[in-house]
Amino acid sequence: MVLFEQSRDDIKILITANISRSGDLQIKGIDTGPLVKKLKGDWDYEYALTVRKAQKQLLIRHLQDHQQTVKDDEDLLKWLKKRFSHNESYSAIMTYLKQANILFESFFWE
């Protein structure tokens, strides 16, 4: 599911969320273009975070405890889309997970 997408002359940004075959929540992003080259020294910048299946279930329970109607993976993806469909969504999701004490793995490729 696409959380955020932007295409300008100087930058293209794509941030997606999905559930892997093993049940993990994956958030992936890629920024490309001349602005990325200027800021990062390379044409593209990739980043990803993974919430393993057991932690994802804790996240769903956390959301339920905070009055969110999230029952399953599909609801979780919809909730992410509704709440985090902006340019800072990757960072905002990491912040939310930290505040909720949900463990995740992150990756940055520069």
Protein backbone atom coordinates (compact mmCIF):
# COMPACT_ATOMS: atom_id res chain seq x y z
CA MET A 1 0.00 0.00 0.00
CA VAL A 2 1.36 3.43 -0.91
CA LEU A 3 1.53 5.71 2.13
CA PHE A 4 3.07 8.68 0.34
CA GLU A 5 4.17 9.45 -3.18
CA GLN A 6 5.52 12.67 -4.62
CA SER A 7 7.11 13.44 -7.95
CA ARG A 8 8.80 16.75 -8.69
CA ASP A 9 11.56 17.72 -11.09
CA ASP A 10 14.15 17.62 -8.29
CA ILE A 11 12.93 14.61 -6.27
CA LYS A 12 10.71 11.55 -6.37
CA ILE A 13 9.59 10.00 -3.08
CA LEU A 14 7.77 6.71 -2.56
CA ILE A 15 6.90 5.26 0.87
CA THR A 16 4.97 1.99 1.08
CA ALA A 17 3.63 -0.39 3.73
CA ASN A 18 2.94 -4.09 3.36
CA ILE A 19 2.71 -7.34 5.28
CA SER A 20 5.34 -9.89 4.25
CA ARG A 21 4.61 -13.57 3.63
CA SER A 22 5.98 -14.30 7.11
CA GLY A 23 3.55 -11.81 8.66
CA ASP A 24 5.99 -8.96 9.31
CA LEU A 25 5.00 -5.32 8.81
CA GLN A 26 7.36 -3.64 6.35
CA ILE A 27 7.65 0.08 5.68
CA LYS A 28 9.90 0.91 2.72
CA GLY A 29 10.91 4.16 1.13
CA ILE A 30 13.04 5.45 -1.68
CA ASP A 31 13.95 9.02 -2.59
CA THR A 32 15.57 9.68 -5.96
CA GLY A 33 16.61 12.64 -8.06
CA PRO A 34 18.96 15.62 -8.25
CA LEU A 35 18.03 16.93 -4.78
CA VAL A 36 18.90 13.55 -3.23
CA LYS A 37 22.25 13.59 -5.08
CA LYS A 38 22.95 17.08 -3.73
CA LEU A 39 21.99 16.17 -0.13
CA LYS A 40 23.23 12.58 0.10
CA GLY A 41 25.92 12.35 -2.59
CA ASP A 42 24.11 9.62 -4.53
CA TRP A 43 21.14 9.57 -6.87
CA ASP A 44 18.95 7.49 -4.56
CA TYR A 45 18.38 6.94 -0.86
CA GLU A 46 16.58 3.82 0.38
CA TYR A 47 15.22 3.12 3.85
CA ALA A 48 13.12 0.41 5.43
CA LEU A 49 11.82 -0.76 8.75
CA THR A 50 10.45 -4.13 9.76
CA VAL A 51 8.16 -4.94 12.66
CA ARG A 52 8.33 -8.70 13.19
CA LYS A 53 5.05 -10.60 13.37
CA ALA A 54 4.96 -10.96 17.18
CA GLN A 55 5.67 -7.25 17.66
CA LYS A 56 3.10 -6.39 14.99
CA GLN A 57 0.49 -8.25 17.05
CA LEU A 58 1.54 -6.17 20.08
CA LEU A 59 1.11 -3.04 17.94
CA ILE A 60 -2.41 -4.10 16.97
CA ARG A 61 -3.25 -4.70 20.65
CA HIS A 62 -1.74 -1.33 21.55
CA LEU A 63 -3.94 0.37 18.95
CA GLN A 64 -7.02 -1.45 20.24
CA ASP A 65 -6.16 -0.33 23.78
CA HIS A 66 -6.07 3.24 22.47
CA GLN A 67 -9.53 3.11 20.91
CA GLN A 68 -8.44 2.33 17.36
CA THR A 69 -10.56 -0.10 15.35
CA VAL A 70 -7.67 -2.23 14.15
CA LYS A 71 -8.43 -5.95 14.20
CA ASP A 72 -6.06 -7.44 11.64
CA ASP A 73 -3.33 -6.78 9.08
CA GLU A 74 -5.69 -5.14 6.59
CA ASP A 75 -7.00 -2.76 9.24
CA LEU A 76 -3.43 -1.99 10.30
CA LEU A 77 -2.44 -1.02 6.76
CA LYS A 78 -5.54 1.17 6.43
CA TRP A 79 -4.76 2.83 9.78
CA LEU A 80 -1.19 3.53 8.65
CA LYS A 81 -2.44 5.01 5.37
CA LYS A 82 -4.93 7.24 7.19
CA ARG A 83 -2.49 8.45 9.83
CA PHE A 84 0.83 8.51 7.98
CA SER A 85 0.21 9.61 4.39
CA HIS A 86 2.70 12.49 4.35
CA ASN A 87 6.33 13.15 3.48
CA GLU A 88 7.56 12.52 7.03
CA SER A 89 5.61 9.25 7.39
CA TYR A 90 8.68 7.01 7.76
CA SER A 91 10.11 9.07 10.63
CA ALA A 92 6.69 9.54 12.18
CA ILE A 93 6.04 5.77 12.16
CA MET A 94 9.42 5.13 13.82
CA THR A 95 8.58 7.70 16.49
CA TYR A 96 5.16 6.15 17.07
CA LEU A 97 6.63 2.66 17.39
CA LYS A 98 9.24 3.87 19.89
CA GLN A 99 6.59 5.62 21.99
CA ALA A 100 4.46 2.47 21.96
CA ASN A 101 7.49 0.32 22.93
CA ILE A 102 7.17 -1.75 19.75
CA LEU A 103 10.48 -3.26 18.62
CA PHE A 104 11.52 -2.85 14.99
CA GLU A 105 14.56 -3.13 12.76
CA SER A 106 15.57 -0.25 10.51
CA PHE A 107 17.81 -0.04 7.46
CA PHE A 108 19.22 2.89 5.51
CA TRP A 109 21.04 2.56 2.22
CA GLU A 110 22.93 5.66 1.18
